[in-house]
Amino acid sequence: MSLWNTATAIFDGLEKAYDVAKKLKNAELLGVIADLQLKIVDLKGESADLGMEILDLRRQVDEFRVKEDIRSKVVLGTDGYYLTESVQGYGNGPFCTYCLDVDGKLVTLTEYHCVRCAKQGGAE
C-alpha cells in the first residue's frame, strides 16, 4: 500500500474514532483525534511534495542518460563532432563542439557556423 493510501486509511479510521468520541462527549479524545487528523493532512502534503521531487529527479536522470548516450556516439572531426551511429532526429554532423561540451546539446553546424552559440566551425 502506498504512503498516500495508508495515510488516507488512517485518516478514515480517525474520522470513525472522532464520531465515537463525539457520541461519548469526550472532549479530550476529540482534541487528540483532531490533532492527529491535521498531522495526517500534513503527511499527505509532504508525500505529494516528495512524489513531485521524485518525478523531477527521474526526468533529470532520463535527460542525463540521453546526453550520455549521444556523447558515446560522437567523434571529433576537423570541423566539429560527427555521429558514429544514427540518432533519431539528427543527421551525421558536423555538430558544434562547444554546445555539446558545455550544454550537452547536439546542434548541427550550418555552413560551419553554430546557429545556437554563433561559434565558427564548432571551435571553442
PDB file of N, CA and C in Angstrom:
ATOM      1  N   MET A   1       0.847  -1.171   0.000  1.00  0.00           N
ATOM      2  CA  MET A   1       0.000   0.000   0.000  1.00  0.00           C
ATOM      3  C   MET A   1       0.901   1.245   0.000  1.00  0.00           C
ATOM      4  N   SER A   2       0.562   2.227  -0.804  1.00  0.00           N
ATOM      5  CA  SER A   2       1.381   3.430  -0.897  1.00  0.00           C
ATOM      6  C   SER A   2       1.221   4.281   0.363  1.00  0.00           C
ATOM      7  N   LEU A   3       2.158   5.172   0.546  1.00  0.00           N
ATOM      8  CA  LEU A   3       2.108   6.074   1.693  1.00  0.00           C
ATOM      9  C   LEU A   3       0.825   6.898   1.665  1.00  0.00           C
ATOM     10  N   TRP A   4       0.451   7.342   0.471  1.00  0.00           N
ATOM     11  CA  TRP A   4      -0.775   8.151   0.308  1.00  0.00           C
ATOM     12  C   TRP A   4      -2.000   7.342   0.744  1.00  0.00           C
ATOM     13  N   ASN A   5      -2.093   6.104   0.268  1.00  0.00           N
ATOM     14  CA  ASN A   5      -3.242   5.248   0.616  1.00  0.00           C
ATOM     15  C   ASN A   5      -3.262   4.907   2.104  1.00  0.00           C
ATOM     16  N   THR A   6      -2.094   4.677   2.675  1.00  0.00           N
ATOM     17  CA  THR A   6      -2.004   4.387   4.103  1.00  0.00           C
ATOM     18  C   THR A   6      -2.483   5.591   4.918  1.00  0.00           C
ATOM     19  N   ALA A   7      -2.022   6.779   4.541  1.00  0.00           N
ATOM     20  CA  ALA A   7      -2.440   7.989   5.245  1.00  0.00           C
ATOM     21  C   ALA A   7      -3.945   8.198   5.116  1.00  0.00           C
ATOM     22  N   THR A   8      -4.488   7.921   3.935  1.00  0.00           N
ATOM     23  CA  THR A   8      -5.935   8.057   3.728  1.00  0.00           C
ATOM     24  C   THR A   8      -6.700   7.073   4.600  1.00  0.00           C
ATOM     25  N   ALA A   9      -6.220   5.844   4.686  1.00  0.00           N
ATOM     26  CA  ALA A   9      -6.882   4.831   5.519  1.00  0.00           C
ATOM     27  C   ALA A   9      -6.830   5.230   6.995  1.00  0.00           C
ATOM     28  N   ILE A  10      -5.698   5.749   7.435  1.00  0.00           N
ATOM     29  CA  ILE A  10      -5.582   6.197   8.822  1.00  0.00           C
ATOM     30  C   ILE A  10      -6.542   7.359   9.079  1.00  0.00           C
ATOM     31  N   PHE A  11      -6.598   8.288   8.138  1.00  0.00           N
ATOM     32  CA  PHE A  11      -7.488   9.442   8.280  1.00  0.00           C
ATOM     33  C   PHE A  11      -8.941   8.981   8.391  1.00  0.00           C
ATOM     34  N   ASP A  12      -9.328   8.024   7.529  1.00  0.00           N
ATOM     35  CA  ASP A  12     -10.695   7.491   7.574  1.00  0.00           C
ATOM     36  C   ASP A  12     -10.989   6.831   8.928  1.00  0.00           C
ATOM     37  N   GLY A  13     -10.024   6.089   9.448  1.00  0.00           N
ATOM     38  CA  GLY A  13     -10.196   5.462  10.763  1.00  0.00           C
ATOM     39  C   GLY A  13     -10.340   6.500  11.859  1.00  0.00           C
ATOM     40  N   LEU A  14      -9.573   7.586  11.740  1.00  0.00           N
ATOM     41  CA  LEU A  14      -9.669   8.649  12.736  1.00  0.00           C
ATOM     42  C   LEU A  14     -11.029   9.354  12.673  1.00  0.00           C
ATOM     43  N   GLU A  15     -11.593   9.465  11.489  1.00  0.00           N
ATOM     44  CA  GLU A  15     -12.938  10.053  11.375  1.00  0.00           C
ATOM     45  C   GLU A  15     -13.961   9.208  12.128  1.00  0.00           C
ATOM     46  N   LYS A  16     -13.843   7.892  12.007  1.00  0.00           N
ATOM     47  CA  LYS A  16     -14.761   6.997  12.740  1.00  0.00           C
ATOM     48  C   LYS A  16     -14.548   7.127  14.248  1.00  0.00           C
ATOM     49  N   ALA A  17     -13.279   7.194  14.663  1.00  0.00           N
ATOM     50  CA  ALA A  17     -12.971   7.360  16.082  1.00  0.00           C
ATOM     51  C   ALA A  17     -13.491   8.706  16.584  1.00  0.00           C
ATOM     52  N   TYR A  18     -13.413   9.722  15.751  1.00  0.00           N
ATOM     53  CA  TYR A  18     -13.921  11.051  16.105  1.00  0.00           C
ATOM     54  C   TYR A  18     -15.429  10.999  16.348  1.00  0.00           C
ATOM     55  N   ASP A  19     -16.139  10.281  15.458  1.00  0.00           N
ATOM     56  CA  ASP A  19     -17.594  10.151  15.617  1.00  0.00           C
ATOM     57  C   ASP A  19     -17.943   9.449  16.937  1.00  0.00           C
ATOM     58  N   VAL A  20     -17.182   8.403  17.262  1.00  0.00           N
ATOM     59  CA  VAL A  20     -17.422   7.678  18.519  1.00  0.00           C
ATOM     60  C   VAL A  20     -17.133   8.596  19.711  1.00  0.00           C
ATOM     61  N   ALA A  21     -16.018   9.331  19.665  1.00  0.00           N
ATOM     62  CA  ALA A  21     -15.661  10.235  20.769  1.00  0.00           C
ATOM     63  C   ALA A  21     -16.705  11.331  20.924  1.00  0.00           C
ATOM     64  N   LYS A  22     -17.277  11.761  19.799  1.00  0.00           N
ATOM     65  CA  LYS A  22     -18.315  12.795  19.838  1.00  0.00           C
ATOM     66  C   LYS A  22     -19.565  12.261  20.547  1.00  0.00           C
ATOM     67  N   LYS A  23     -19.941  11.012  20.233  1.00  0.00           N
ATOM     68  CA  LYS A  23     -21.110  10.397  20.869  1.00  0.00           C
ATOM     69  C   LYS A  23     -20.874  10.220  22.364  1.00  0.00           C
ATOM     70  N   LEU A  24     -19.621   9.924  22.728  1.00  0.00           N
ATOM     71  CA  LEU A  24     -19.277   9.745  24.147  1.00  0.00           C
ATOM     72  C   LEU A  24     -19.058  11.086  24.845  1.00  0.00           C
ATOM     73  N   LYS A  25     -19.050  12.156  24.076  1.00  0.00           N
ATOM     74  CA  LYS A  25     -18.844  13.508  24.603  1.00  0.00           C
ATOM     75  C   LYS A  25     -17.517  13.616  25.357  1.00  0.00           C
ATOM     76  N   ASN A  26     -16.489  13.021  24.750  1.00  0.00           N
ATOM     77  CA  ASN A  26     -15.148  13.038  25.332  1.00  0.00           C
ATOM     78  C   ASN A  26     -14.333  14.123  24.615  1.00  0.00           C
ATOM     79  N   ALA A  27     -14.305  15.318  25.201  1.00  0.00           N
ATOM     80  CA  ALA A  27     -13.652  16.471  24.574  1.00  0.00           C
ATOM     81  C   ALA A  27     -12.147  16.266  24.413  1.00  0.00           C
ATOM     82  N   GLU A  28     -11.522  15.654  25.385  1.00  0.00           N
ATOM     83  CA  GLU A  28     -10.074  15.433  25.310  1.00  0.00           C
ATOM     84  C   GLU A  28      -9.727  14.512  24.143  1.00  0.00           C
ATOM     85  N   LEU A  29     -10.477  13.427  23.990  1.00  0.00           N
ATOM     86  CA  LEU A  29     -10.247  12.488  22.891  1.00  0.00           C
ATOM     87  C   LEU A  29     -10.542  13.152  21.546  1.00  0.00           C
ATOM     88  N   LEU A  30     -11.563  13.983  21.490  1.00  0.00           N
ATOM     89  CA  LEU A  30     -11.886  14.721  20.260  1.00  0.00           C
ATOM     90  C   LEU A  30     -10.705  15.607  19.845  1.00  0.00           C
ATOM     91  N   GLY A  31     -10.096  16.268  20.823  1.00  0.00           N
ATOM     92  CA  GLY A  31      -8.942  17.125  20.537  1.00  0.00           C
ATOM     93  C   GLY A  31      -7.756  16.332  20.015  1.00  0.00           C
ATOM     94  N   VAL A  32      -7.490  15.186  20.648  1.00  0.00           N
ATOM     95  CA  VAL A  32      -6.375  14.334  20.218  1.00  0.00           C
ATOM     96  C   VAL A  32      -6.599  13.835  18.792  1.00  0.00           C
ATOM     97  N   ILE A  33      -7.802  13.402  18.520  1.00  0.00           N
ATOM     98  CA  ILE A  33      -8.121  12.890  17.177  1.00  0.00           C
ATOM     99  C   ILE A  33      -8.013  14.009  16.137  1.00  0.00           C
ATOM    100  N   ALA A  34      -8.503  15.191  16.476  1.00  0.00           N
ATOM    101  CA  ALA A  34      -8.419  16.325  15.549  1.00  0.00           C
ATOM    102  C   ALA A  34      -6.956  16.667  15.248  1.00  0.00           C
ATOM    103  N   ASP A  35      -6.103  16.637  16.273  1.00  0.00           N
ATOM    104  CA  ASP A  35      -4.671  16.885  16.064  1.00  0.00           C
ATOM    105  C   ASP A  35      -4.053  15.831  15.153  1.00  0.00           C
ATOM    106  N   LEU A  36      -4.413  14.576  15.369  1.00  0.00           N
ATOM    107  CA  LEU A  36      -3.900  13.502  14.524  1.00  0.00           C
ATOM    108  C   LEU A  36      -4.362  13.668  13.071  1.00  0.00           C
ATOM    109  N   GLN A  37      -5.612  14.087  12.888  1.00  0.00           N
ATOM    110  CA  GLN A  37      -6.104  14.310  11.532  1.00  0.00           C
ATOM    111  C   GLN A  37      -5.304  15.405  10.830  1.00  0.00           C
ATOM    112  N   LEU A  38      -4.985  16.465  11.549  1.00  0.00           N
ATOM    113  CA  LEU A  38      -4.176  17.537  10.958  1.00  0.00           C
ATOM    114  C   LEU A  38      -2.780  17.040  10.586  1.00  0.00           C
ATOM    115  N   LYS A  39      -2.208  16.193  11.434  1.00  0.00           N
ATOM    116  CA  LYS A  39      -0.882  15.640  11.135  1.00  0.00           C
ATOM    117  C   LYS A  39      -0.928  14.733   9.909  1.00  0.00           C
ATOM    118  N   ILE A  40      -2.007  13.989   9.758  1.00  0.00           N
ATOM    119  CA  ILE A  40      -2.167  13.134   8.573  1.00  0.00           C
ATOM    120  C   ILE A  40      -2.284  13.991   7.311  1.00  0.00           C
ATOM    121  N   VAL A  41      -3.012  15.093   7.387  1.00  0.00           N
ATOM    122  CA  VAL A  41      -3.127  16.006   6.243  1.00  0.00           C
ATOM    123  C   VAL A  41      -1.738  16.548   5.880  1.00  0.00           C
ATOM    124  N   ASP A  42      -0.953  16.938   6.889  1.00  0.00           N
ATOM    125  CA  ASP A  42       0.413  17.404   6.636  1.00  0.00           C
ATOM    126  C   ASP A  42       1.255  16.311   5.989  1.00  0.00           C
ATOM    127  N   LEU A  43       1.109  15.083   6.494  1.00  0.00           N
ATOM    128  CA  LEU A  43       1.849  13.952   5.952  1.00  0.00           C
ATOM    129  C   LEU A  43       1.501  13.720   4.485  1.00  0.00           C
ATOM    130  N   LYS A  44       0.229  13.835   4.150  1.00  0.00           N
ATOM    131  CA  LYS A  44      -0.195  13.656   2.758  1.00  0.00           C
ATOM    132  C   LYS A  44       0.392  14.759   1.879  1.00  0.00           C
ATOM    133  N   GLY A  45       0.457  15.972   2.397  1.00  0.00           N
ATOM    134  CA  GLY A  45       1.063  17.076   1.646  1.00  0.00           C
ATOM    135  C   GLY A  45       2.540  16.833   1.400  1.00  0.00           C
ATOM    136  N   GLU A  46       3.246  16.386   2.431  1.00  0.00           N
ATOM    137  CA  GLU A  46       4.670  16.074   2.277  1.00  0.00           C
ATOM    138  C   GLU A  46       4.865  14.922   1.299  1.00  0.00           C
ATOM    139  N   SER A  47       3.978  13.944   1.354  1.00  0.00           N
ATOM    140  CA  SER A  47       4.059  12.815   0.431  1.00  0.00           C
ATOM    141  C   SER A  47       3.902  13.281  -1.011  1.00  0.00           C
ATOM    142  N   ALA A  48       2.970  14.191  -1.244  1.00  0.00           N
ATOM    143  CA  ALA A  48       2.767  14.728  -2.596  1.00  0.00           C
ATOM    144  C   ALA A  48       4.003  15.501  -3.046  1.00  0.00           C
ATOM    145  N   ASP A  49       4.595  16.298  -2.139  1.00  0.00           N
ATOM    146  CA  ASP A  49       5.813  17.050  -2.475  1.00  0.00           C
ATOM    147  C   ASP A  49       6.953  16.107  -2.827  1.00  0.00           C
ATOM    148  N   LEU A  50       7.104  15.046  -2.052  1.00  0.00           N
ATOM    149  CA  LEU A  50       8.162  14.066  -2.332  1.00  0.00           C
ATOM    150  C   LEU A  50       7.923  13.360  -3.664  1.00  0.00           C
ATOM    151  N   GLY A  51       6.665  13.074  -3.962  1.00  0.00           N
ATOM    152  CA  GLY A  51       6.344  12.456  -5.243  1.00  0.00           C
ATOM    153  C   GLY A  51       6.734  13.349  -6.400  1.00  0.00           C
ATOM    154  N   MET A  52       6.474  14.649  -6.279  1.00  0.00           N
ATOM    155  CA  MET A  52       6.859  15.599  -7.331  1.00  0.00           C
ATOM    156  C   MET A  52       8.378  15.679  -7.462  1.00  0.00           C
ATOM    157  N   GLU A  53       9.073  15.663  -6.338  1.00  0.00           N
ATOM    158  CA  GLU A  53      10.530  15.712  -6.365  1.00  0.00           C
ATOM    159  C   GLU A  53      11.098  14.457  -7.032  1.00  0.00           C
ATOM    160  N   ILE A  54      10.520  13.315  -6.735  1.00  0.00           N
ATOM    161  CA  ILE A  54      10.963  12.068  -7.359  1.00  0.00           C
ATOM    162  C   ILE A  54      10.757  12.124  -8.866  1.00  0.00           C
ATOM    163  N   LEU A  55       9.608  12.628  -9.312  1.00  0.00           N
ATOM    164  CA  LEU A  55       9.359  12.756 -10.745  1.00  0.00           C
ATOM    165  C   LEU A  55      10.372  13.676 -11.409  1.00  0.00           C
ATOM    166  N   ASP A  56      10.698  14.783 -10.745  1.00  0.00           N
ATOM    167  CA  ASP A  56      11.685  15.718 -11.292  1.00  0.00           C
ATOM    168  C   ASP A  56      13.062  15.074 -11.377  1.00  0.00           C
ATOM    169  N   LEU A  57      13.445  14.349 -10.342  1.00  0.00           N
ATOM    170  CA  LEU A  57      14.747  13.671 -10.345  1.00  0.00           C
ATOM    171  C   LEU A  57      14.803  12.591 -11.428  1.00  0.00           C
ATOM    172  N   ARG A  58      13.716  11.871 -11.625  1.00  0.00           N
ATOM    173  CA  ARG A  58      13.678  10.859 -12.690  1.00  0.00           C
ATOM    174  C   ARG A  58      13.824  11.509 -14.059  1.00  0.00           C
ATOM    175  N   ARG A  59      13.173  12.676 -14.245  1.00  0.00           N
ATOM    176  CA  ARG A  59      13.286  13.408 -15.509  1.00  0.00           C
ATOM    177  C   ARG A  59      14.741  13.830 -15.737  1.00  0.00           C
ATOM    178  N   GLN A  60      15.402  14.314 -14.676  1.00  0.00           N
ATOM    179  CA  GLN A  60      16.796  14.724 -14.790  1.00  0.00           C
ATOM    180  C   GLN A  60      17.696  13.542 -15.132  1.00  0.00           C
ATOM    181  N   VAL A  61      17.439  12.399 -14.509  1.00  0.00           N
ATOM    182  CA  VAL A  61      18.221  11.193 -14.808  1.00  0.00           C
ATOM    183  C   VAL A  61      18.016  10.777 -16.264  1.00  0.00           C
ATOM    184  N   ASP A  62      16.772  10.830 -16.736  1.00  0.00           N
ATOM    185  CA  ASP A  62      16.494  10.481 -18.136  1.00  0.00           C
ATOM    186  C   ASP A  62      17.228  11.420 -19.092  1.00  0.00           C
ATOM    187  N   GLU A  63      17.222  12.724 -18.782  1.00  0.00           N
ATOM    188  CA  GLU A  63      17.941  13.694 -19.622  1.00  0.00           C
ATOM    189  C   GLU A  63      19.432  13.392 -19.620  1.00  0.00           C
ATOM    190  N   PHE A  64      19.977  13.064 -18.457  1.00  0.00           N
ATOM    191  CA  PHE A  64      21.394  12.738 -18.342  1.00  0.00           C
ATOM    192  C   PHE A  64      21.729  11.494 -19.173  1.00  0.00           C
ATOM    193  N   ARG A  65      20.868  10.504 -19.107  1.00  0.00           N
ATOM    194  CA  ARG A  65      21.109   9.273 -19.873  1.00  0.00           C
ATOM    195  C   ARG A  65      21.091   9.533 -21.375  1.00  0.00           C
ATOM    196  N   VAL A  66      20.167  10.381 -21.831  1.00  0.00           N
ATOM    197  CA  VAL A  66      20.099  10.727 -23.256  1.00  0.00           C
ATOM    198  C   VAL A  66      21.378  11.441 -23.672  1.00  0.00           C
ATOM    199  N   LYS A  67      21.828  12.404 -22.856  1.00  0.00           N
ATOM    200  CA  LYS A  67      23.065  13.134 -23.172  1.00  0.00           C
ATOM    201  C   LYS A  67      24.256  12.192 -23.209  1.00  0.00           C
ATOM    202  N   GLU A  68      24.331  11.286 -22.258  1.00  0.00           N
ATOM    203  CA  GLU A  68      25.443  10.326 -22.230  1.00  0.00           C
ATOM    204  C   GLU A  68      25.386   9.382 -23.425  1.00  0.00           C
ATOM    205  N   ASP A  69      24.178   8.993 -23.826  1.00  0.00           N
ATOM    206  CA  ASP A  69      24.018   8.129 -24.989  1.00  0.00           C
ATOM    207  C   ASP A  69      24.530   8.836 -26.241  1.00  0.00           C
ATOM    208  N   ILE A  70      24.136  10.096 -26.404  1.00  0.00           N
ATOM    209  CA  ILE A  70      24.604  10.865 -27.562  1.00  0.00           C
ATOM    210  C   ILE A  70      26.106  11.049 -27.489  1.00  0.00           C
ATOM    211  N   ARG A  71      26.623  11.401 -26.318  1.00  0.00           N
ATOM    212  CA  ARG A  71      28.058  11.625 -26.154  1.00  0.00           C
ATOM    213  C   ARG A  71      28.862  10.381 -26.552  1.00  0.00           C
ATOM    214  N   SER A  72      28.309   9.207 -26.280  1.00  0.00           N
ATOM    215  CA  SER A  72      29.019   7.963 -26.602  1.00  0.00           C
ATOM    216  C   SER A  72      29.010   7.663 -28.099  1.00  0.00           C
ATOM    217  N   LYS A  73      28.201   8.408 -28.863  1.00  0.00           N
ATOM    218  CA  LYS A  73      28.067   8.140 -30.297  1.00  0.00           C
ATOM    219  C   LYS A  73      28.701   9.219 -31.172  1.00  0.00           C
ATOM    220  N   VAL A  74      29.534  10.096 -30.600  1.00  0.00           N
ATOM    221  CA  VAL A  74      30.176  11.137 -31.402  1.00  0.00           C
ATOM    222  C   VAL A  74      31.686  10.998 -31.389  1.00  0.00           C
ATOM    223  N   VAL A  75      32.276  11.426 -32.493  1.00  0.00           N
ATOM    224  CA  VAL A  75      33.734  11.516 -32.598  1.00  0.00           C
ATOM    225  C   VAL A  75      34.057  12.915 -33.113  1.00  0.00           C
ATOM    226  N   LEU A  76      35.229  13.395 -32.752  1.00  0.00           N
ATOM    227  CA  LEU A  76      35.659  14.718 -33.166  1.00  0.00           C
ATOM    228  C   LEU A  76      36.287  14.658 -34.547  1.00  0.00           C
ATOM    229  N   GLY A  77      35.739  15.476 -35.455  1.00  0.00           N
ATOM    230  CA  GLY A  77      36.317  15.623 -36.787  1.00  0.00           C
ATOM    231  C   GLY A  77      37.052  16.948 -36.866  1.00  0.00           C
ATOM    232  N   THR A  78      37.501  17.313 -38.038  1.00  0.00           N
ATOM    233  CA  THR A  78      38.255  18.564 -38.188  1.00  0.00           C
ATOM    234  C   THR A  78      37.376  19.797 -38.041  1.00  0.00           C
ATOM    235  N   ASP A  79      36.079  19.653 -38.279  1.00  0.00           N
ATOM    236  CA  ASP A  79      35.192  20.812 -38.234  1.00  0.00           C
ATOM    237  C   ASP A  79      34.017  20.643 -37.267  1.00  0.00           C
ATOM    238  N   GLY A  80      34.110  19.734 -36.330  1.00  0.00           N
ATOM    239  CA  GLY A  80      33.060  19.530 -35.347  1.00  0.00           C
ATOM    240  C   GLY A  80      32.893  18.060 -35.019  1.00  0.00           C
ATOM    241  N   TYR A  81      31.871  17.754 -34.242  1.00  0.00           N
ATOM    242  CA  TYR A  81      31.574  16.367 -33.903  1.00  0.00           C
ATOM    243  C   TYR A  81      30.745  15.715 -35.009  1.00  0.00           C
ATOM    244  N   TYR A  82      30.928  14.389 -35.155  1.00  0.00           N
ATOM    245  CA  TYR A  82      30.151  13.590 -36.092  1.00  0.00           C
ATOM    246  C   TYR A  82      29.621  12.364 -35.356  1.00  0.00           C
ATOM    247  N   LEU A  83      28.446  11.929 -35.749  1.00  0.00           N
ATOM    248  CA  LEU A  83      27.862  10.734 -35.146  1.00  0.00           C
ATOM    249  C   LEU A  83      28.477   9.478 -35.745  1.00  0.00           C
ATOM    250  N   THR A  84      28.767   8.510 -34.893  1.00  0.00           N
ATOM    251  CA  THR A  84      29.252   7.208 -35.355  1.00  0.00           C
ATOM    252  C   THR A  84      28.089   6.240 -35.542  1.00  0.00           C
ATOM    253  N   GLU A  85      26.961   6.540 -34.892  1.00  0.00           N
ATOM    254  CA  GLU A  85      25.731   5.762 -35.021  1.00  0.00           C
ATOM    255  C   GLU A  85      24.593   6.744 -35.207  1.00  0.00           C
ATOM    256  N   SER A  86      23.529   6.295 -35.827  1.00  0.00           N
ATOM    257  CA  SER A  86      22.405   7.210 -36.051  1.00  0.00           C
ATOM    258  C   SER A  86      21.667   7.499 -34.742  1.00  0.00           C
ATOM    259  N   VAL A  87      21.199   8.727 -34.648  1.00  0.00           N
ATOM    260  CA  VAL A  87      20.381   9.184 -33.533  1.00  0.00           C
ATOM    261  C   VAL A  87      19.145   9.811 -34.148  1.00  0.00           C
ATOM    262  N   GLN A  88      17.982   9.333 -33.734  1.00  0.00           N
ATOM    263  CA  GLN A  88      16.726   9.805 -34.323  1.00  0.00           C
ATOM    264  C   GLN A  88      16.619  11.321 -34.249  1.00  0.00           C
ATOM    265  N   GLY A  89      16.338  11.929 -35.401  1.00  0.00           N
ATOM    266  CA  GLY A  89      16.144  13.370 -35.469  1.00  0.00           C
ATOM    267  C   GLY A  89      17.396  14.155 -35.812  1.00  0.00           C
ATOM    268  N   TYR A  90      18.511  13.471 -36.018  1.00  0.00           N
ATOM    269  CA  TYR A  90      19.766  14.153 -36.317  1.00  0.00           C
ATOM    270  C   TYR A  90      20.418  13.546 -37.551  1.00  0.00           C
ATOM    271  N   GLY A  91      21.133  14.409 -38.287  1.00  0.00           N
ATOM    272  CA  GLY A  91      21.960  13.930 -39.389  1.00  0.00           C
ATOM    273  C   GLY A  91      23.263  13.407 -38.825  1.00  0.00           C
ATOM    274  N   ASN A  92      24.258  13.230 -39.690  1.00  0.00           N
ATOM    275  CA  ASN A  92      25.547  12.697 -39.239  1.00  0.00           C
ATOM    276  C   ASN A  92      26.462  13.752 -38.656  1.00  0.00           C
ATOM    277  N   GLY A  93      26.227  15.028 -38.974  1.00  0.00           N
ATOM    278  CA  GLY A  93      27.086  16.099 -38.480  1.00  0.00           C
ATOM    279  C   GLY A  93      27.501  16.998 -39.618  1.00  0.00           C
ATOM    280  N   PRO A  94      28.310  17.943 -39.403  1.00  0.00           N
ATOM    281  CA  PRO A  94      29.045  18.229 -38.167  1.00  0.00           C
ATOM    282  C   PRO A  94      28.165  18.919 -37.136  1.00  0.00           C
ATOM    283  N   PHE A  95      28.553  18.720 -35.855  1.00  0.00           N
ATOM    284  CA  PHE A  95      27.843  19.322 -34.733  1.00  0.00           C
ATOM    285  C   PHE A  95      28.797  20.213 -33.960  1.00  0.00           C
ATOM    286  N   CYS A  96      28.247  21.228 -33.324  1.00  0.00           N
ATOM    287  CA  CYS A  96      29.033  22.204 -32.572  1.00  0.00           C
ATOM    288  C   CYS A  96      29.682  21.542 -31.360  1.00  0.00           C
ATOM    289  N   THR A  97      30.996  21.658 -31.265  1.00  0.00           N
ATOM    290  CA  THR A  97      31.715  21.076 -30.127  1.00  0.00           C
ATOM    291  C   THR A  97      31.409  21.833 -28.834  1.00  0.00           C
ATOM    292  N   TYR A  98      31.286  23.146 -28.952  1.00  0.00           N
ATOM    293  CA  TYR A  98      31.023  23.965 -27.763  1.00  0.00           C
ATOM    294  C   TYR A  98      29.670  23.600 -27.148  1.00  0.00           C
ATOM    295  N   CYS A  99      28.636  23.563 -27.975  1.00  0.00           N
ATOM    296  CA  CYS A  99      27.285  23.283 -27.451  1.00  0.00           C
ATOM    297  C   CYS A  99      27.208  21.892 -26.822  1.00  0.00           C
ATOM    298  N   LEU A 100      27.868  20.912 -27.421  1.00  0.00           N
ATOM    299  CA  LEU A 100      27.830  19.566 -26.844  1.00  0.00           C
ATOM    300  C   LEU A 100      28.670  19.500 -25.574  1.00  0.00           C
ATOM    301  N   ASP A 101      29.877  20.080 -25.614  1.00  0.00           N
ATOM    302  CA  ASP A 101      30.768  20.005 -24.453  1.00  0.00           C
ATOM    303  C   ASP A 101      30.245  20.792 -23.253  1.00  0.00           C
ATOM    304  N   VAL A 102      29.669  21.956 -23.494  1.00  0.00           N
ATOM    305  CA  VAL A 102      29.257  22.822 -22.395  1.00  0.00           C
ATOM    306  C   VAL A 102      27.822  22.559 -21.952  1.00  0.00           C
ATOM    307  N   ASP A 103      26.918  22.401 -22.935  1.00  0.00           N
ATOM    308  CA  ASP A 103      25.494  22.297 -22.608  1.00  0.00           C
ATOM    309  C   ASP A 103      24.900  20.917 -22.859  1.00  0.00           C
ATOM    310  N   GLY A 104      25.682  20.018 -23.438  1.00  0.00           N
ATOM    311  CA  GLY A 104      25.164  18.690 -23.736  1.00  0.00           C
ATOM    312  C   GLY A 104      24.145  18.683 -24.858  1.00  0.00           C
ATOM    313  N   LYS A 105      24.176  19.711 -25.710  1.00  0.00           N
ATOM    314  CA  LYS A 105      23.203  19.827 -26.804  1.00  0.00           C
ATOM    315  C   LYS A 105      23.879  19.493 -28.126  1.00  0.00           C
ATOM    316  N   LEU A 106      23.195  18.710 -28.933  1.00  0.00           N
ATOM    317  CA  LEU A 106      23.683  18.332 -30.251  1.00  0.00           C
ATOM    318  C   LEU A 106      23.100  19.319 -31.263  1.00  0.00           C
ATOM    319  N   VAL A 107      23.924  20.293 -31.687  1.00  0.00           N
ATOM    320  CA  VAL A 107      23.473  21.357 -32.581  1.00  0.00           C
ATOM    321  C   VAL A 107      24.226  21.248 -33.900  1.00  0.00           C
ATOM    322  N   THR A 108      23.471  21.097 -34.981  1.00  0.00           N
ATOM    323  CA  THR A 108      24.074  20.963 -36.304  1.00  0.00           C
ATOM    324  C   THR A 108      24.690  22.285 -36.736  1.00  0.00           C
ATOM    325  N   LEU A 109      25.887  22.213 -37.294  1.00  0.00           N
ATOM    326  CA  LEU A 109      26.538  23.399 -37.840  1.00  0.00           C
ATOM    327  C   LEU A 109      25.970  23.676 -39.225  1.00  0.00           C
ATOM    328  N   THR A 110      25.689  24.932 -39.499  1.00  0.00           N
ATOM    329  CA  THR A 110      25.207  25.358 -40.812  1.00  0.00           C
ATOM    330  C   THR A 110      26.305  26.177 -41.446  1.00  0.00           C
ATOM    331  N   GLU A 111      26.832  25.677 -42.553  1.00  0.00           N
ATOM    332  CA  GLU A 111      27.973  26.327 -43.219  1.00  0.00           C
ATOM    333  C   GLU A 111      29.087  26.597 -42.211  1.00  0.00           C
ATOM    334  N   TYR A 112      29.342  25.622 -41.370  1.00  0.00           N
ATOM    335  CA  TYR A 112      30.398  25.645 -40.359  1.00  0.00           C
ATOM    336  C   TYR A 112      30.211  26.714 -39.287  1.00  0.00           C
ATOM    337  N   HIS A 113      28.965  27.172 -39.096  1.00  0.00           N
ATOM    338  CA  HIS A 113      28.626  28.105 -38.023  1.00  0.00           C
ATOM    339  C   HIS A 113      27.520  27.478 -37.175  1.00  0.00           C
ATOM    340  N   CYS A 114      27.601  27.711 -35.887  1.00  0.00           N
ATOM    341  CA  CYS A 114      26.558  27.223 -34.989  1.00  0.00           C
ATOM    342  C   CYS A 114      25.468  28.284 -34.859  1.00  0.00           C
ATOM    343  N   VAL A 115      24.248  27.898 -35.173  1.00  0.00           N
ATOM    344  CA  VAL A 115      23.134  28.841 -35.084  1.00  0.00           C
ATOM    345  C   VAL A 115      22.731  29.095 -33.628  1.00  0.00           C
ATOM    346  N   ARG A 116      23.174  28.252 -32.719  1.00  0.00           N
ATOM    347  CA  ARG A 116      22.808  28.413 -31.304  1.00  0.00           C
ATOM    348  C   ARG A 116      23.790  29.312 -30.570  1.00  0.00           C
ATOM    349  N   CYS A 117      25.079  29.052 -30.702  1.00  0.00           N
ATOM    350  CA  CYS A 117      26.076  29.826 -29.942  1.00  0.00           C
ATOM    351  C   CYS A 117      26.903  30.763 -30.811  1.00  0.00           C
ATOM    352  N   ALA A 118      26.720  30.679 -32.135  1.00  0.00           N
ATOM    353  CA  ALA A 118      27.386  31.550 -33.101  1.00  0.00           C
ATOM    354  C   ALA A 118      28.899  31.315 -33.214  1.00  0.00           C
ATOM    355  N   LYS A 119      29.370  30.188 -32.751  1.00  0.00           N
ATOM    356  CA  LYS A 119      30.795  29.889 -32.904  1.00  0.00           C
ATOM    357  C   LYS A 119      31.013  29.321 -34.298  1.00  0.00           C
ATOM    358  N   GLN A 120      32.192  29.568 -34.830  1.00  0.00           N
ATOM    359  CA  GLN A 120      32.516  29.109 -36.169  1.00  0.00           C
ATOM    360  C   GLN A 120      33.239  27.772 -36.110  1.00  0.00           C
ATOM    361  N   GLY A 121      32.782  26.859 -36.968  1.00  0.00           N
ATOM    362  CA  GLY A 121      33.449  25.565 -37.074  1.00  0.00           C
ATOM    363  C   GLY A 121      33.370  24.723 -35.815  1.00  0.00           C
ATOM    364  N   GLY A 122      32.502  25.092 -34.919  1.00  0.00           N
ATOM    365  CA  GLY A 122      32.369  24.334 -33.683  1.00  0.00           C
ATOM    366  C   GLY A 122      33.560  24.525 -32.764  1.00  0.00           C
ATOM    367  N   ALA A 123      34.461  25.446 -33.131  1.00  0.00           N
ATOM    368  CA  ALA A 123      35.661  25.655 -32.311  1.00  0.00           C
ATOM    369  C   ALA A 123      35.303  26.398 -31.038  1.00  0.00           C
ATOM    370  N   GLU A 124      36.006  26.062 -29.965  1.00  0.00           N
ATOM    371  CA  GLU A 124      35.718  26.709 -28.669  1.00  0.00           C
ATOM    372  C   GLU A 124      36.537  27.958 -28.510  1.00  0.00           C
TER     373      GLU A 124
END
